[in-house]
Amino acid sequence: MLKRLQGNSRAQLWVGLLLGIAFGFLLQKGGVTNYDVIIGQLLWRDFTVVKIMLTAVIVGTIGVHALKSLGLADLHPKPGSVGMTVIGGLIFGVGFGVLGYCPGTVAGAIAQGELDALVGAVGILIGAGLFAAVYHRLQPGILSRGSFGDLTLPRLFRVNHWVVVVPVVIVLVGLLAWIESAGL
């Protein structure tokens, strides 16, 4: 089924739209489209965002690698670099700190009628446009510094991906359980 979906761009758009709506609904139900919850996370007072993100990472990690193991999906990691990570982290962090939303939560907040989120979404679009405009100037310099290519941990250690996935998932489940038991 997934292989057939690759060749059908119209179906891909519909699946993307439906998954995006479901994602936004779950973010809203989890409370992370609420500005106060996000600011609480940034101030280390409310760990709702971390708990939802850890849960998503755990489910996604297992799901993606299960699909890969069953031959239903192929992974094509994009090449990365320290420069890309630092610049991307700074842009994301400043925007997140100033606005109080990330790109996913801003869409959910707009859907529930938060006007400040609408202003933030306009800022995200302008920022993305500006970055796209200067990308060709940044790519040969700062963005390519410290390139590590499309390296993944299983490739680095030359092991089956489950040798990395299982311990990572165990650690993340343990972290999630600790956060919950600590009442954070």
Protein backbone atom coordinates (compact mmCIF):
# COMPACT_ATOMS: atom_id res chain seq x y z
CA MET A 1 0.00 0.00 0.00
CA LEU A 2 2.76 2.46 0.91
CA LYS A 3 4.64 1.71 -2.31
CA ARG A 4 1.47 2.51 -4.33
CA LEU A 5 1.06 5.76 -2.41
CA GLN A 6 4.53 6.89 -3.54
CA GLY A 7 3.37 7.17 -7.13
CA ASN A 8 0.11 8.98 -6.42
CA SER A 9 0.71 12.65 -5.58
CA ARG A 10 -3.01 13.42 -5.13
CA ALA A 11 -3.38 10.61 -2.58
CA GLN A 12 -0.22 11.81 -0.84
CA LEU A 13 -1.77 15.26 -0.44
CA TRP A 14 -4.96 13.81 1.03
CA VAL A 15 -3.06 11.54 3.41
CA GLY A 16 -0.86 14.48 4.43
CA LEU A 17 -3.90 16.69 5.04
CA LEU A 18 -5.69 14.04 7.10
CA LEU A 19 -2.57 13.24 9.15
CA GLY A 20 -1.95 16.97 9.67
CA ILE A 21 -5.50 17.45 10.95
CA ALA A 22 -5.11 14.45 13.26
CA PHE A 23 -1.74 15.78 14.46
CA GLY A 24 -3.21 19.21 15.19
CA PHE A 25 -6.18 17.65 16.98
CA LEU A 26 -3.86 15.58 19.18
CA LEU A 27 -1.67 18.61 19.94
CA GLN A 28 -4.77 20.57 20.95
CA LYS A 29 -6.15 17.71 23.08
CA GLY A 30 -2.73 17.36 24.72
CA GLY A 31 -2.81 21.05 25.66
CA VAL A 32 0.34 22.07 23.83
CA THR A 33 -1.42 24.64 21.65
CA ASN A 34 -1.93 26.66 24.82
CA TYR A 35 0.56 29.52 25.11
CA ASP A 36 0.80 29.15 28.91
CA VAL A 37 1.70 25.45 28.64
CA ILE A 38 4.49 26.21 26.17
CA ILE A 39 5.87 29.09 28.23
CA GLY A 40 5.65 26.82 31.29
CA GLN A 41 7.84 24.32 29.44
CA LEU A 42 10.37 26.99 28.50
CA LEU A 43 10.48 28.05 32.16
CA TRP A 44 10.83 24.39 33.31
CA ARG A 45 7.50 24.52 35.20
CA ASP A 46 5.24 22.39 32.98
CA PHE A 47 6.59 19.29 31.24
CA THR A 48 3.50 18.56 29.14
CA VAL A 49 5.38 19.42 25.92
CA VAL A 50 8.29 17.11 26.75
CA LYS A 51 5.94 14.25 27.67
CA ILE A 52 4.03 14.56 24.41
CA MET A 53 7.23 14.84 22.37
CA LEU A 54 8.82 11.83 24.08
CA THR A 55 5.68 9.79 23.45
CA ALA A 56 5.68 10.83 19.77
CA VAL A 57 9.38 10.00 19.38
CA ILE A 58 8.92 6.57 20.97
CA VAL A 59 5.89 5.68 18.82
CA GLY A 60 7.46 7.15 15.67
CA THR A 61 10.79 5.40 16.20
CA ILE A 62 9.17 2.01 16.66
CA GLY A 63 6.69 2.59 13.83
CA VAL A 64 9.20 3.80 11.24
CA HIS A 65 11.67 1.03 11.97
CA ALA A 66 8.93 -1.61 12.01
CA LEU A 67 7.80 -0.42 8.56
CA LYS A 68 11.43 -0.54 7.41
CA SER A 69 11.88 -4.07 8.76
CA LEU A 70 8.70 -5.22 7.00
CA GLY A 71 9.93 -3.74 3.72
CA LEU A 72 7.06 -1.25 3.62
CA ALA A 73 9.24 1.85 3.82
CA ASP A 74 12.73 2.98 2.96
CA LEU A 75 14.61 5.59 4.95
CA HIS A 76 16.49 8.33 3.13
CA PRO A 77 18.14 10.53 5.76
CA LYS A 78 19.14 13.98 4.54
CA PRO A 79 22.77 14.98 4.89
CA GLY A 80 23.48 17.17 7.90
CA SER A 81 26.17 19.33 9.39
CA VAL A 82 27.01 21.13 12.60
CA GLY A 83 26.46 24.45 10.80
CA MET A 84 22.94 23.46 9.71
CA THR A 85 22.11 22.23 13.19
CA VAL A 86 23.35 25.37 14.94
CA ILE A 87 21.67 27.81 12.53
CA GLY A 88 18.42 25.82 12.49
CA GLY A 89 18.45 25.50 16.27
CA LEU A 90 19.02 29.22 16.73
CA ILE A 91 16.24 30.19 14.31
CA PHE A 92 13.82 27.69 15.86
CA GLY A 93 14.80 28.57 19.43
CA VAL A 94 14.49 32.32 19.00
CA GLY A 95 11.15 31.96 17.25
CA PHE A 96 9.88 29.50 19.85
CA GLY A 97 11.02 31.69 22.75
CA VAL A 98 9.63 34.94 21.32
CA LEU A 99 6.36 33.57 19.97
CA GLY A 100 5.73 30.74 22.42
CA TYR A 101 4.75 28.32 19.65
CA CYS A 102 6.57 25.94 17.34
CA PRO A 103 5.38 25.40 13.75
CA GLY A 104 3.11 22.51 14.73
CA THR A 105 1.55 24.14 17.75
CA VAL A 106 1.08 27.46 15.95
CA ALA A 107 -1.17 25.73 13.39
CA GLY A 108 -3.18 24.11 16.18
CA ALA A 109 -3.45 27.41 18.05
CA ILE A 110 -4.71 29.15 14.89
CA ALA A 111 -7.33 26.43 14.48
CA GLN A 112 -8.61 27.12 17.99
CA GLY A 113 -8.78 30.88 17.31
CA GLU A 114 -5.61 32.27 18.88
CA LEU A 115 -4.87 35.51 16.98
CA ASP A 116 -1.31 35.79 18.31
CA ALA A 117 -0.60 32.46 16.63
CA LEU A 118 -1.83 33.84 13.32
CA VAL A 119 0.72 36.66 13.58
CA GLY A 120 3.35 34.03 14.38
CA ALA A 121 2.41 31.95 11.34
CA VAL A 122 2.87 34.99 9.12
CA GLY A 123 6.29 35.47 10.74
CA ILE A 124 7.16 31.82 10.11
CA LEU A 125 6.27 32.18 6.43
CA ILE A 126 8.25 35.42 6.07
CA GLY A 127 11.23 33.86 7.89
CA ALA A 128 11.09 30.74 5.69
CA GLY A 129 10.98 32.94 2.59
CA LEU A 130 13.96 34.99 3.76
CA PHE A 131 15.94 31.87 4.57
CA ALA A 132 15.13 30.40 1.15
CA ALA A 133 16.30 33.64 -0.46
CA VAL A 134 19.72 33.55 1.24
CA TYR A 135 20.15 29.76 1.33
CA HIS A 136 22.35 29.65 -1.78
CA ARG A 137 24.76 32.11 -0.11
CA LEU A 138 24.85 30.22 3.20
CA GLN A 139 25.13 26.68 1.80
CA PRO A 140 28.77 26.74 0.64
CA GLY A 141 29.89 28.41 3.86
CA ILE A 142 28.37 28.16 7.31
CA LEU A 143 25.69 25.56 6.53
CA SER A 144 28.21 23.03 5.22
CA ARG A 145 30.64 23.38 8.14
CA GLY A 146 31.14 20.17 10.08
CA SER A 147 29.33 18.00 7.52
CA PHE A 148 28.48 14.49 8.69
CA GLY A 149 26.53 13.47 5.59
CA ASP A 150 23.57 11.14 5.95
CA LEU A 151 25.16 9.24 8.83
CA THR A 152 22.85 7.46 11.27
CA LEU A 153 23.75 5.72 14.54
CA PRO A 154 23.22 2.21 13.09
CA ARG A 155 25.52 3.10 10.17
CA LEU A 156 28.07 4.65 12.51
CA PHE A 157 28.20 1.53 14.71
CA ARG A 158 27.64 -0.83 11.74
CA VAL A 159 24.80 -2.66 13.45
CA ASN A 160 21.21 -3.57 12.68
CA HIS A 161 18.93 -0.59 13.40
CA TRP A 162 17.11 -2.51 16.18
CA VAL A 163 20.39 -2.67 18.15
CA VAL A 164 20.11 1.13 18.44
CA VAL A 165 16.30 1.50 18.47
CA VAL A 166 15.59 -0.83 21.40
CA PRO A 167 18.00 0.78 23.92
CA VAL A 168 17.01 4.30 22.80
CA VAL A 169 13.33 3.49 23.27
CA ILE A 170 14.03 1.94 26.69
CA VAL A 171 15.91 5.07 27.78
CA LEU A 172 13.13 7.34 26.50
CA VAL A 173 10.42 5.29 28.22
CA GLY A 174 12.47 5.43 31.41
CA LEU A 175 12.84 9.21 31.09
CA LEU A 176 9.12 9.57 30.47
CA ALA A 177 8.31 7.40 33.49
CA TRP A 178 10.74 9.42 35.67
CA ILE A 179 9.20 12.73 34.57
CA GLU A 180 5.73 11.39 35.31
CA SER A 181 6.69 9.91 38.71
CA ALA A 182 8.44 13.15 39.69
CA GLY A 183 5.15 14.99 39.06
CA LEU A 184 6.70 17.25 36.45
